[in-house]
Protein backbone atom coordinates (compact mmCIF):
# COMPACT_ATOMS: atom_id res chain seq x y z
CA MET A 1 70.01 -44.59 -153.74
CA PRO A 2 68.22 -46.49 -156.51
CA VAL A 3 69.76 -49.60 -158.02
CA SER A 4 69.91 -49.21 -161.79
CA ALA A 5 69.73 -52.28 -163.96
CA ALA A 6 68.73 -53.16 -167.48
CA SER A 7 65.84 -55.34 -168.47
CA ASN A 8 65.35 -56.98 -171.83
CA THR A 9 63.59 -53.90 -173.18
CA SER A 10 64.76 -50.80 -171.33
CA PRO A 11 66.77 -49.77 -168.28
CA VAL A 12 65.02 -50.37 -164.98
CA ALA A 13 65.57 -48.23 -161.89
CA TYR A 14 65.02 -50.25 -158.73
CA THR A 15 64.97 -48.94 -155.18
CA ASP A 16 65.03 -51.37 -152.27
CA HIS A 17 62.49 -49.64 -150.04
CA LYS A 18 63.43 -52.00 -147.20
CA LYS A 19 67.13 -51.18 -147.36
CA GLY A 20 67.32 -49.25 -144.09
CA LEU A 21 64.88 -51.65 -142.42
CA TRP A 22 67.32 -54.53 -142.80
CA LEU A 23 69.12 -52.97 -139.83
CA LEU A 24 66.40 -54.63 -137.73
CA SER A 25 68.41 -57.83 -138.17
CA VAL A 26 71.10 -56.11 -136.10
CA PHE A 27 68.65 -54.45 -133.72
CA ALA A 28 66.95 -57.74 -132.82
CA PRO A 29 69.93 -59.46 -131.13
CA ALA A 30 70.94 -56.14 -129.55
CA LEU A 31 67.85 -56.52 -127.35
CA GLY A 32 69.33 -59.65 -125.75
CA PRO A 33 71.43 -58.04 -122.99
CA LEU A 34 68.98 -55.15 -122.52
CA GLY A 35 66.87 -56.99 -119.92
CA PRO A 36 69.74 -57.90 -117.58
CA TYR A 37 71.20 -54.41 -117.97
CA LEU A 38 67.92 -52.69 -117.07
CA TYR A 39 67.44 -55.08 -114.15
CA LEU A 40 70.84 -54.07 -112.76
CA GLN A 41 69.91 -50.40 -113.14
CA THR A 42 66.43 -50.62 -111.63
CA GLY A 43 66.18 -53.85 -109.65
CA GLN A 44 62.90 -54.59 -111.47
CA THR A 45 62.76 -58.27 -112.47
CA GLN A 46 60.17 -57.71 -115.20
CA TRP A 47 62.96 -56.39 -117.40
CA LEU A 48 64.42 -59.91 -117.51
CA TRP A 49 61.40 -60.97 -119.57
CA VAL A 50 61.39 -58.16 -122.12
CA PHE A 51 63.22 -60.09 -124.87
CA LEU A 52 60.97 -63.14 -124.63
CA ALA A 53 57.82 -61.04 -124.44
CA PHE A 54 58.77 -59.10 -127.55
CA PHE A 55 59.85 -62.00 -129.77
CA TYR A 56 57.39 -64.71 -128.74
CA LEU A 57 54.33 -62.53 -128.12
CA GLY A 58 54.88 -59.12 -129.67
CA LEU A 59 56.47 -60.21 -132.93
CA PRO A 60 53.67 -62.61 -133.97
CA VAL A 61 51.23 -59.76 -133.32
CA LEU A 62 53.32 -57.39 -135.45
CA ASP A 63 53.44 -60.01 -138.21
CA ALA A 64 49.66 -60.23 -138.11
CA VAL A 65 49.25 -56.44 -138.15
CA PHE A 66 51.77 -55.66 -140.91
CA GLY A 67 51.06 -58.82 -142.89
CA GLU A 68 53.05 -60.22 -145.76
CA ASP A 69 55.42 -58.65 -148.25
CA ARG A 70 55.28 -60.48 -151.58
CA GLN A 71 57.32 -58.02 -153.60
CA ASN A 72 60.41 -59.31 -155.40
CA PRO A 73 63.38 -57.38 -156.75
CA PRO A 74 63.51 -57.62 -160.56
CA GLU A 75 66.03 -60.17 -161.75
CA SER A 76 67.85 -57.46 -163.68
CA ALA A 77 68.59 -55.70 -160.36
CA VAL A 78 69.83 -58.78 -158.49
CA PRO A 79 73.51 -58.64 -159.61
CA VAL A 80 73.79 -55.07 -158.31
CA LEU A 81 71.99 -55.97 -155.08
CA GLU A 82 74.37 -58.86 -154.53
CA GLN A 83 77.37 -56.57 -154.96
CA ASP A 84 76.10 -53.81 -152.67
CA ARG A 85 78.38 -53.92 -149.61
CA PHE A 86 75.75 -52.34 -147.39
CA TYR A 87 73.93 -55.67 -147.05
CA ARG A 88 77.13 -57.54 -146.30
CA TYR A 89 78.27 -55.01 -143.70
CA ILE A 90 74.99 -55.48 -141.84
CA THR A 91 75.84 -59.15 -141.34
CA TYR A 92 79.34 -58.22 -140.18
CA ALA A 93 77.95 -55.69 -137.69
CA ALA A 94 75.73 -58.34 -136.11
CA VAL A 95 78.66 -60.62 -135.18
CA PRO A 96 80.13 -58.54 -132.30
CA ILE A 97 76.64 -57.63 -131.08
CA ILE A 98 75.69 -61.29 -130.72
CA ALA A 99 79.03 -62.20 -129.18
CA PHE A 100 78.82 -59.36 -126.66
CA GLY A 101 75.23 -60.17 -125.73
CA PHE A 102 76.05 -63.85 -125.21
CA ILE A 103 79.11 -63.19 -123.01
CA TYR A 104 77.39 -60.40 -121.05
CA ASN A 105 74.37 -62.56 -120.32
CA VAL A 106 76.19 -65.75 -119.30
CA ILE A 107 78.39 -63.71 -116.94
CA PHE A 108 75.19 -62.18 -115.53
CA LEU A 109 73.70 -65.65 -115.01
CA ALA A 110 76.85 -66.97 -113.35
CA SER A 111 77.33 -64.02 -111.01
CA HIS A 112 73.82 -63.11 -109.80
CA THR A 113 71.33 -64.93 -107.61
CA LEU A 114 67.86 -65.04 -109.12
CA ALA A 115 64.65 -66.97 -108.62
CA TRP A 116 64.79 -69.98 -110.90
CA TRP A 117 62.10 -68.65 -113.27
CA HIS A 118 63.94 -65.37 -113.76
CA TRP A 119 67.22 -67.23 -114.26
CA LEU A 120 65.53 -69.44 -116.85
CA ALA A 121 64.10 -66.41 -118.64
CA VAL A 122 67.59 -64.96 -119.08
CA ALA A 123 69.00 -68.35 -120.08
CA ILE A 124 66.33 -68.78 -122.77
CA THR A 125 66.90 -65.20 -123.91
CA THR A 126 70.62 -65.90 -124.23
CA GLY A 127 70.02 -69.17 -126.05
CA SER A 128 67.79 -67.28 -128.44
CA LEU A 129 70.73 -64.94 -129.07
CA LEU A 130 72.71 -68.00 -130.12
CA GLY A 131 69.80 -68.88 -132.38
CA PHE A 132 70.20 -65.49 -134.04
CA GLY A 133 73.90 -66.30 -134.32
CA LEU A 134 73.21 -69.58 -136.09
CA ASN A 135 70.87 -67.80 -138.48
CA LEU A 136 73.59 -65.22 -139.14
CA SER A 137 76.19 -67.93 -139.70
CA HIS A 138 73.71 -69.59 -142.07
CA GLU A 139 73.66 -66.44 -144.20
CA MET A 140 77.45 -65.94 -144.15
CA GLY A 141 78.35 -69.63 -144.37
CA HIS A 142 76.91 -69.88 -147.88
CA LYS A 143 79.29 -67.21 -149.16
CA LYS A 144 82.63 -67.91 -150.83
CA ARG A 145 84.48 -65.01 -149.17
CA GLY A 146 86.98 -66.16 -146.56
CA LEU A 147 85.95 -63.47 -144.06
CA ASP A 148 82.31 -64.52 -144.22
CA LYS A 149 83.17 -68.16 -143.62
CA ALA A 150 85.50 -67.29 -140.72
CA LEU A 151 82.88 -65.10 -139.05
CA ALA A 152 80.26 -67.81 -139.57
CA LEU A 153 82.48 -70.36 -137.80
CA ILE A 154 83.17 -68.00 -134.90
CA THR A 155 79.50 -67.14 -134.48
CA GLN A 156 78.25 -70.72 -134.48
CA SER A 157 81.08 -71.74 -132.14
CA LEU A 158 79.71 -69.40 -129.47
CA GLY A 159 77.12 -72.11 -128.78
CA GLY A 160 79.37 -75.10 -129.37
CA TYR A 161 77.76 -75.71 -132.78
CA GLY A 162 80.82 -75.42 -135.00
CA HIS A 163 79.63 -78.23 -137.25
CA PHE A 164 76.63 -76.29 -138.53
CA SER A 165 78.00 -74.92 -141.83
CA VAL A 166 79.48 -78.29 -142.78
CA GLU A 167 76.27 -80.16 -142.08
CA HIS A 168 73.95 -77.54 -143.52
CA ASN A 169 75.79 -76.71 -146.74
CA ARG A 170 77.00 -80.17 -147.71
CA GLY A 171 74.47 -82.37 -145.93
CA HIS A 172 71.10 -80.70 -145.47
CA HIS A 173 71.09 -78.94 -148.84
CA ARG A 174 71.95 -82.18 -150.61
CA HIS A 175 69.46 -84.43 -148.83
CA VAL A 176 66.69 -81.97 -147.85
CA ALA A 177 63.15 -83.34 -148.08
CA THR A 178 64.36 -86.94 -148.38
CA PRO A 179 64.46 -89.80 -145.84
CA GLU A 180 68.26 -89.39 -145.73
CA ASP A 181 68.03 -85.97 -144.09
CA PRO A 182 67.89 -85.86 -140.27
CA ALA A 183 67.06 -82.14 -140.51
CA THR A 184 63.77 -82.70 -142.39
CA SER A 185 60.77 -83.36 -140.13
CA ARG A 186 58.07 -85.87 -141.03
CA MET A 187 54.31 -85.73 -140.87
CA GLY A 188 53.19 -86.97 -137.45
CA GLU A 189 56.57 -86.27 -135.83
CA THR A 190 56.59 -83.97 -132.79
CA ILE A 191 59.34 -81.44 -132.36
CA TYR A 192 60.46 -83.33 -129.25
CA GLY A 193 60.90 -86.55 -131.19
CA PHE A 194 62.54 -84.61 -134.01
CA VAL A 195 65.20 -83.08 -131.76
CA LEU A 196 66.35 -86.54 -130.67
CA ARG A 197 66.91 -87.44 -134.32
CA GLU A 198 68.09 -84.10 -135.70
CA MET A 199 70.75 -82.97 -133.21
CA PRO A 200 72.87 -86.14 -133.11
CA GLY A 201 72.17 -86.86 -136.79
CA ALA A 202 73.46 -83.44 -137.83
CA PHE A 203 76.63 -83.79 -135.77
CA PHE A 204 77.56 -87.24 -137.03
CA ARG A 205 76.76 -86.39 -140.64
CA ALA A 206 78.99 -83.31 -140.42
CA TRP A 207 81.83 -85.40 -138.98
CA GLU A 208 81.52 -87.97 -141.78
CA LEU A 209 81.49 -85.23 -144.39
CA GLU A 210 84.68 -83.64 -143.04
CA LYS A 211 86.31 -87.04 -142.58
CA GLU A 212 85.61 -87.88 -146.23
CA ARG A 213 86.83 -84.49 -147.45
CA LEU A 214 90.07 -84.67 -145.53
CA GLY A 215 90.55 -88.31 -146.51
CA ARG A 216 90.55 -87.30 -150.17
CA LEU A 217 93.35 -84.88 -149.32
CA GLY A 218 95.32 -87.56 -147.48
CA LYS A 219 94.73 -85.96 -144.07
CA SER A 220 93.49 -87.31 -140.75
CA ALA A 221 89.96 -86.51 -139.65
CA TRP A 222 91.53 -84.76 -136.65
CA HIS A 223 93.65 -82.45 -138.80
CA LEU A 224 93.38 -78.75 -138.01
CA ASP A 225 91.86 -78.22 -141.45
CA ASN A 226 88.74 -79.94 -140.11
CA GLU A 227 86.18 -77.16 -139.60
CA MET A 228 84.63 -79.06 -136.69
CA VAL A 229 88.01 -79.24 -134.96
CA GLN A 230 88.50 -75.51 -135.54
CA GLY A 231 85.07 -74.73 -134.11
CA GLY A 232 85.67 -77.05 -131.16
CA LEU A 233 88.92 -75.26 -130.32
CA ILE A 234 87.18 -71.86 -130.39
CA THR A 235 84.41 -73.14 -128.12
CA THR A 236 86.89 -74.82 -125.75
CA ALA A 237 89.00 -71.68 -125.42
CA LEU A 238 85.98 -69.45 -124.80
CA TYR A 239 84.16 -71.77 -122.42
CA GLY A 240 87.34 -72.74 -120.60
CA THR A 241 88.09 -69.08 -119.92
CA LEU A 242 84.55 -68.34 -118.72
CA ILE A 243 84.46 -71.39 -116.44
CA ALA A 244 87.92 -70.60 -115.03
CA LEU A 245 86.71 -67.12 -114.13
CA TYR A 246 83.22 -67.93 -112.82
CA GLY A 247 83.30 -71.57 -111.74
CA LEU A 248 80.43 -74.06 -111.58
CA PRO A 249 77.63 -71.47 -112.00
CA MET A 250 79.07 -70.77 -115.43
CA VAL A 251 78.91 -74.50 -116.32
CA ALA A 252 75.17 -74.54 -115.62
CA ALA A 253 74.64 -71.35 -117.61
CA LEU A 254 76.57 -72.58 -120.64
CA LEU A 255 74.82 -75.96 -120.70
CA VAL A 256 71.31 -74.51 -120.63
CA VAL A 257 72.09 -71.60 -122.94
CA GLY A 258 73.95 -73.83 -125.42
CA PHE A 259 71.09 -76.33 -125.57
CA TRP A 260 68.47 -73.66 -126.14
CA GLY A 261 70.56 -72.08 -128.90
CA ALA A 262 70.79 -75.43 -130.68
CA PHE A 263 67.08 -76.02 -130.07
CA GLN A 264 66.27 -72.76 -131.87
CA LEU A 265 68.00 -74.16 -134.96
CA THR A 266 66.10 -77.42 -134.49
CA SER A 267 62.86 -75.45 -134.21
CA ALA A 268 63.56 -73.71 -137.51
CA ASN A 269 64.49 -76.98 -139.22
CA TYR A 270 61.33 -78.59 -137.87
CA ILE A 271 58.95 -76.06 -139.42
CA GLU A 272 60.85 -75.43 -142.66
CA HIS A 273 60.21 -78.77 -144.42
CA TYR A 274 57.55 -80.50 -142.33
CA GLY A 275 56.11 -83.46 -144.21
CA LEU A 276 57.39 -82.38 -147.63
CA THR A 277 59.35 -84.81 -149.78
CA ARG A 278 61.19 -84.96 -153.08
CA GLN A 279 60.26 -87.77 -155.42
CA LYS A 280 62.73 -90.54 -156.25
CA LEU A 281 63.43 -90.83 -159.99
CA ALA A 282 63.76 -93.98 -162.07
CA ASP A 283 67.56 -93.89 -161.81
CA GLY A 284 67.39 -93.94 -157.99
CA ARG A 285 68.25 -90.27 -157.55
CA TYR A 286 65.90 -87.67 -156.09
CA GLU A 287 64.39 -84.91 -158.15
CA PRO A 288 66.19 -81.55 -157.82
CA CYS A 289 65.13 -79.41 -154.87
CA GLN A 290 62.44 -76.95 -155.91
CA PRO A 291 60.77 -74.04 -154.05
CA HIS A 292 57.75 -76.23 -153.23
CA HIS A 293 59.95 -78.50 -151.08
CA SER A 294 60.13 -75.86 -148.31
CA TRP A 295 57.57 -73.99 -146.25
CA ASN A 296 57.70 -70.28 -146.97
CA SER A 297 56.74 -67.18 -145.00
CA ASN A 298 56.58 -63.62 -146.34
CA HIS A 299 55.67 -61.98 -143.03
CA LEU A 300 57.36 -58.61 -143.21
CA ILE A 301 58.49 -57.80 -139.67
CA SER A 302 59.94 -61.17 -138.68
CA ASN A 303 61.69 -61.50 -142.06
CA LEU A 304 63.39 -58.17 -141.48
CA MET A 305 64.76 -59.51 -138.19
CA VAL A 306 66.12 -62.83 -139.47
CA PHE A 307 67.81 -61.85 -142.75
CA GLN A 308 64.74 -63.09 -144.64
CA LEU A 309 65.42 -66.71 -143.66
CA GLN A 310 61.68 -67.27 -143.89
CA ARG A 311 61.78 -67.00 -147.68
CA HIS A 312 63.16 -70.48 -147.34
CA SER A 313 61.77 -71.83 -150.58
CA ASP A 314 63.96 -69.62 -152.77
CA HIS A 315 66.92 -70.18 -150.46
CA HIS A 316 66.87 -73.94 -151.01
CA ALA A 317 66.32 -73.59 -154.72
CA HIS A 318 69.18 -71.04 -154.97
CA PRO A 319 71.43 -71.41 -151.87
CA THR A 320 74.02 -68.78 -152.81
CA ARG A 321 71.45 -66.00 -153.27
CA SER A 322 71.81 -63.37 -150.53
CA TYR A 323 68.97 -62.43 -148.19
CA GLN A 324 68.14 -59.13 -149.88
CA SER A 325 67.59 -60.89 -153.22
CA LEU A 326 65.38 -63.80 -152.12
CA ARG A 327 62.07 -64.09 -153.94
CA ASP A 328 58.52 -65.18 -153.36
CA PHE A 329 56.81 -67.55 -155.81
CA PRO A 330 53.12 -68.22 -156.44
CA GLU A 331 51.50 -71.32 -154.92
CA LEU A 332 54.27 -72.11 -152.45
CA PRO A 333 53.69 -74.12 -149.27
CA THR A 334 53.00 -71.21 -146.92
CA LEU A 335 53.14 -70.90 -143.14
CA PRO A 336 50.31 -69.02 -141.43
CA SER A 337 52.72 -66.92 -139.35
CA GLY A 338 56.38 -66.00 -139.09
CA TYR A 339 58.86 -68.33 -137.41
CA PHE A 340 58.45 -67.03 -133.85
CA GLY A 341 54.72 -67.59 -133.95
CA MET A 342 55.20 -71.02 -135.51
CA PHE A 343 57.76 -71.97 -132.84
CA LEU A 344 55.10 -71.52 -130.18
CA VAL A 345 52.67 -73.66 -132.17
CA ALA A 346 55.32 -76.37 -132.67
CA TYR A 347 55.99 -76.55 -128.92
CA LEU A 348 52.37 -77.71 -128.50
CA PRO A 349 52.23 -80.81 -130.77
CA PRO A 350 48.41 -81.27 -130.79
CA LEU A 351 48.05 -77.64 -131.90
CA TRP A 352 50.81 -78.05 -134.48
CA PHE A 353 49.14 -81.10 -136.04
CA ARG A 354 45.78 -79.36 -136.05
CA VAL A 355 47.24 -76.33 -137.84
CA MET A 356 49.79 -77.94 -140.17
CA ASN A 357 48.46 -81.35 -141.17
CA PRO A 358 45.46 -79.99 -143.11
CA ARG A 359 47.73 -77.34 -144.65
CA LEU A 360 50.21 -80.02 -145.70
CA LEU A 361 47.48 -82.17 -147.25
CA LYS A 362 46.12 -79.21 -149.21
CA THR A 363 49.63 -78.34 -150.41
CA VAL A 364 50.26 -81.83 -151.84
CA GLY A 365 46.73 -82.32 -153.16
CA HIS A 366 46.01 -85.08 -150.62
CA ASP A 367 48.54 -87.27 -152.44
CA SER A 368 50.30 -89.46 -149.87
CA ARG A 369 53.13 -90.12 -152.33
CA LYS A 370 54.17 -86.49 -151.86
CA ILE A 371 54.29 -86.72 -148.06
CA SER A 372 57.17 -87.76 -145.82
CA PHE A 373 55.51 -89.69 -142.96
CA LEU A 374 56.89 -90.67 -139.59
CA PRO A 375 57.12 -94.38 -140.42
CA ARG A 376 55.34 -95.71 -137.34
CA LYS A 377 52.43 -93.30 -137.86
CA ARG A 378 52.11 -93.64 -141.63
CA ASP A 379 49.23 -96.11 -141.76
CA ALA A 380 47.28 -94.36 -139.01
CA LEU A 381 47.63 -90.97 -140.71
CA ILE A 382 46.59 -92.36 -144.08
CA ARG A 383 43.46 -93.81 -142.47
CA GLN A 384 42.78 -90.67 -140.41
CA TYR A 385 42.84 -88.39 -143.44
CA GLY A 386 41.31 -90.82 -145.92
CA LEU A 387 44.40 -91.15 -148.07
CA ALA A 388 44.21 -94.91 -148.61
CA GLY A 389 43.58 -94.52 -152.32
CA ASN A 390 46.94 -92.80 -152.71
CA ALA A 391 48.97 -95.15 -150.50
């Protein structure tokens, strides 16, 4: 069904040719419990690796084969796209699929004896499901509808990350690409150093934000209106029930799965703003966030599976815009692959620096004033890349 809208000159008929393909964002997490299920049916352990093989090997290949999609919906069609319930219902449908996959898989881990490498494969698969859940809660958490916000809190609480919406919406979006943001990575910083700064920094910033908000209302930080308290109660109830039913094996499963889910968010944060910085103005404030303060990816297949999170530049410039309406812009900082391919590169820091440092320098015109450096590596990087004249 075409979306009809008016332009400045004449009516424009717009058809979202990807409309049905957005269902891949529901299909992707549905693969999570498939491996354990097929293993139980066949006894073949290779099925336990199917999710990881598809997303970390197959998907980068598909991105390379199908390439990028740079088409944008016309602005005149965006209001109708935003109101089309089909796109919203897709996000709603993904919630029970992710929740089921998570619970099914952790019960599988806690109740079956496997070689450690097969156990780890399922644990990483399940943590990746939580990563999909955090991406989903990211999409819904920016909406004003109460149902969207409630489902976002439930989904992120599956992995014990109930502070995400608070930190992301009121912290990260305010301070992104500045030294004040623990969720913005710096040039020369490895992902393993970044995680030690980002995970605790995000939690404590979220707590301070909720404490300040509730303080203005005359309420204690521990009041039930605190979103972090609400998320903590959901996680405690769920995890307490699972541990009561399955004992210590469930504790091990939840710890590993929960960490990997959080690490998927860290991985996305690491690649989304690497080395980019907003300039400080004469009045001490930072310039407004613009599309060029985020790394962008238009790779078709992976974007269809992550609610177009990879069009991150437009998201930060216009946070309330829904996934189906996000745009590409010319001359954006651009990643060479979709997120899953870039995750693998990031996990190998020498390869990451070899791929991304030259790309970063080209993006900012070799101007060190436009780079956020890891402080202890700043001077060495300026010398290495011959940036002394811009220091």
